[in-house]
Amino acid sequence: MMNVQLAKCCANCEHFINGQICTKQEITVSENQVCELYTFKPVIHHDDDCLKCSKFNTGNCAHPKKASEGIMCTVWYPRMAHA
């Protein structure tokens, strides 16, 4: 089975503003681009968040110092419901 992950792209970067500008590169970029200056931007997410992530409070959490209720990152991985 292949792991599907969300991309580290401009849309999820702290340097991406107004949906088109990179404050580090000082150029216009699209939300699907990425560069080596990518910096994770934690965002408020109302439906799914760290508390519903299978990586929360584990060694696999990419951002343990930022992970909390109401936040979701680009490596969010849903908890699987077992019947």
C-alpha atoms as a PDB file:
ATOM      1  CA  MET A   1       0.000   0.000   0.000  1.00  0.00           C
ATOM      2  CA  MET A   2       1.305   3.460  -0.894  1.00  0.00           C
ATOM      3  CA  ASN A   3       1.332   6.235   1.721  1.00  0.00           C
ATOM      4  CA  VAL A   4      -0.494   9.341   0.506  1.00  0.00           C
ATOM      5  CA  GLN A   5       0.712  12.579   2.085  1.00  0.00           C
ATOM      6  CA  LEU A   6      -0.090  16.236   1.720  1.00  0.00           C
ATOM      7  CA  ALA A   7       2.640  18.242   0.012  1.00  0.00           C
ATOM      8  CA  LYS A   8       4.960  20.739   1.606  1.00  0.00           C
ATOM      9  CA  CYS A   9       3.826  23.516  -0.713  1.00  0.00           C
ATOM     10  CA  CYS A  10       3.542  27.303  -0.663  1.00  0.00           C
ATOM     11  CA  ALA A  11      -0.085  27.142   0.464  1.00  0.00           C
ATOM     12  CA  ASN A  12       1.128  25.654   3.762  1.00  0.00           C
ATOM     13  CA  CYS A  13       4.155  27.927   4.220  1.00  0.00           C
ATOM     14  CA  GLU A  14       4.506  30.828   6.664  1.00  0.00           C
ATOM     15  CA  HIS A  15       6.103  32.951   3.929  1.00  0.00           C
ATOM     16  CA  PHE A  16       3.088  32.729   1.572  1.00  0.00           C
ATOM     17  CA  ILE A  17       0.823  35.789   1.920  1.00  0.00           C
ATOM     18  CA  ASN A  18      -2.239  37.144   0.144  1.00  0.00           C
ATOM     19  CA  GLY A  19      -2.525  33.928  -1.857  1.00  0.00           C
ATOM     20  CA  GLN A  20       0.271  34.902  -4.226  1.00  0.00           C
ATOM     21  CA  ILE A  21       3.380  36.464  -2.651  1.00  0.00           C
ATOM     22  CA  CYS A  22       6.419  34.779  -1.072  1.00  0.00           C
ATOM     23  CA  THR A  23       7.895  37.122   1.522  1.00  0.00           C
ATOM     24  CA  LYS A  24      11.236  35.256   1.542  1.00  0.00           C
ATOM     25  CA  GLN A  25      11.775  35.053  -2.220  1.00  0.00           C
ATOM     26  CA  GLU A  26       9.973  38.375  -2.826  1.00  0.00           C
ATOM     27  CA  ILE A  27       8.252  36.986  -5.911  1.00  0.00           C
ATOM     28  CA  THR A  28       4.787  35.915  -7.018  1.00  0.00           C
ATOM     29  CA  VAL A  29       4.224  32.185  -6.504  1.00  0.00           C
ATOM     30  CA  SER A  30       1.321  29.760  -6.701  1.00  0.00           C
ATOM     31  CA  GLU A  31       0.032  27.748  -3.765  1.00  0.00           C
ATOM     32  CA  ASN A  32       1.253  24.513  -5.420  1.00  0.00           C
ATOM     33  CA  GLN A  33       4.906  25.531  -5.663  1.00  0.00           C
ATOM     34  CA  VAL A  34       7.585  24.813  -3.055  1.00  0.00           C
ATOM     35  CA  CYS A  35      11.182  25.805  -2.382  1.00  0.00           C
ATOM     36  CA  GLU A  36      13.952  25.029   0.108  1.00  0.00           C
ATOM     37  CA  LEU A  37      12.831  27.944   2.303  1.00  0.00           C
ATOM     38  CA  TYR A  38       9.500  26.222   3.069  1.00  0.00           C
ATOM     39  CA  THR A  39       8.447  26.799   6.691  1.00  0.00           C
ATOM     40  CA  PHE A  40       5.419  24.962   8.069  1.00  0.00           C
ATOM     41  CA  LYS A  41       2.472  27.215   8.916  1.00  0.00           C
ATOM     42  CA  PRO A  42       0.115  25.744  11.512  1.00  0.00           C
ATOM     43  CA  VAL A  43      -3.439  26.701  10.654  1.00  0.00           C
ATOM     44  CA  ILE A  44      -6.681  26.675  12.568  1.00  0.00           C
ATOM     45  CA  HIS A  45      -8.860  23.893  11.239  1.00  0.00           C
ATOM     46  CA  HIS A  46     -12.362  23.366  12.595  1.00  0.00           C
ATOM     47  CA  ASP A  47     -13.248  19.863  11.358  1.00  0.00           C
ATOM     48  CA  ASP A  48     -10.063  17.811  11.763  1.00  0.00           C
ATOM     49  CA  ASP A  49      -7.183  18.721  14.028  1.00  0.00           C
ATOM     50  CA  CYS A  50      -4.206  17.278  15.878  1.00  0.00           C
ATOM     51  CA  LEU A  51      -6.456  15.516  18.380  1.00  0.00           C
ATOM     52  CA  LYS A  52      -7.824  13.428  15.485  1.00  0.00           C
ATOM     53  CA  CYS A  53      -4.363  12.691  14.053  1.00  0.00           C
ATOM     54  CA  SER A  54      -2.810   9.254  14.591  1.00  0.00           C
ATOM     55  CA  LYS A  55       0.614  10.927  14.913  1.00  0.00           C
ATOM     56  CA  PHE A  56      -0.439  13.266  17.755  1.00  0.00           C
ATOM     57  CA  ASN A  57       1.718  12.794  20.887  1.00  0.00           C
ATOM     58  CA  THR A  58       3.883  10.155  19.184  1.00  0.00           C
ATOM     59  CA  GLY A  59       7.441  10.133  17.902  1.00  0.00           C
ATOM     60  CA  ASN A  60       5.992  10.451  14.381  1.00  0.00           C
ATOM     61  CA  CYS A  61       4.511  13.923  14.991  1.00  0.00           C
ATOM     62  CA  ALA A  62       6.309  16.371  12.702  1.00  0.00           C
ATOM     63  CA  HIS A  63       5.560  19.385  14.914  1.00  0.00           C
ATOM     64  CA  PRO A  64       5.244  18.226  18.538  1.00  0.00           C
ATOM     65  CA  LYS A  65       5.749  21.723  19.990  1.00  0.00           C
ATOM     66  CA  LYS A  66       2.953  23.213  17.846  1.00  0.00           C
ATOM     67  CA  ALA A  67       0.521  20.288  17.768  1.00  0.00           C
ATOM     68  CA  SER A  68      -2.659  21.039  19.703  1.00  0.00           C
ATOM     69  CA  GLU A  69      -6.421  21.120  19.569  1.00  0.00           C
ATOM     70  CA  GLY A  70      -7.727  23.132  16.613  1.00  0.00           C
ATOM     71  CA  ILE A  71      -4.458  22.933  14.635  1.00  0.00           C
ATOM     72  CA  MET A  72      -3.815  20.783  11.575  1.00  0.00           C
ATOM     73  CA  CYS A  73      -0.591  20.433   9.573  1.00  0.00           C
ATOM     74  CA  THR A  74       0.448  19.136   6.178  1.00  0.00           C
ATOM     75  CA  VAL A  75       1.373  15.702   7.545  1.00  0.00           C
ATOM     76  CA  TRP A  76      -1.956  15.197   9.341  1.00  0.00           C
ATOM     77  CA  TYR A  77      -2.913  11.518   9.307  1.00  0.00           C
ATOM     78  CA  PRO A  78      -6.454  10.519  10.315  1.00  0.00           C
ATOM     79  CA  ARG A  79      -7.066   8.063  13.129  1.00  0.00           C
ATOM     80  CA  MET A  80      -8.634   4.918  11.738  1.00  0.00           C
ATOM     81  CA  ALA A  81     -11.897   3.878  13.365  1.00  0.00           C
ATOM     82  CA  HIS A  82     -11.785   0.209  14.288  1.00  0.00           C
ATOM     83  CA  ALA A  83     -15.105  -1.614  14.394  1.00  0.00           C
END
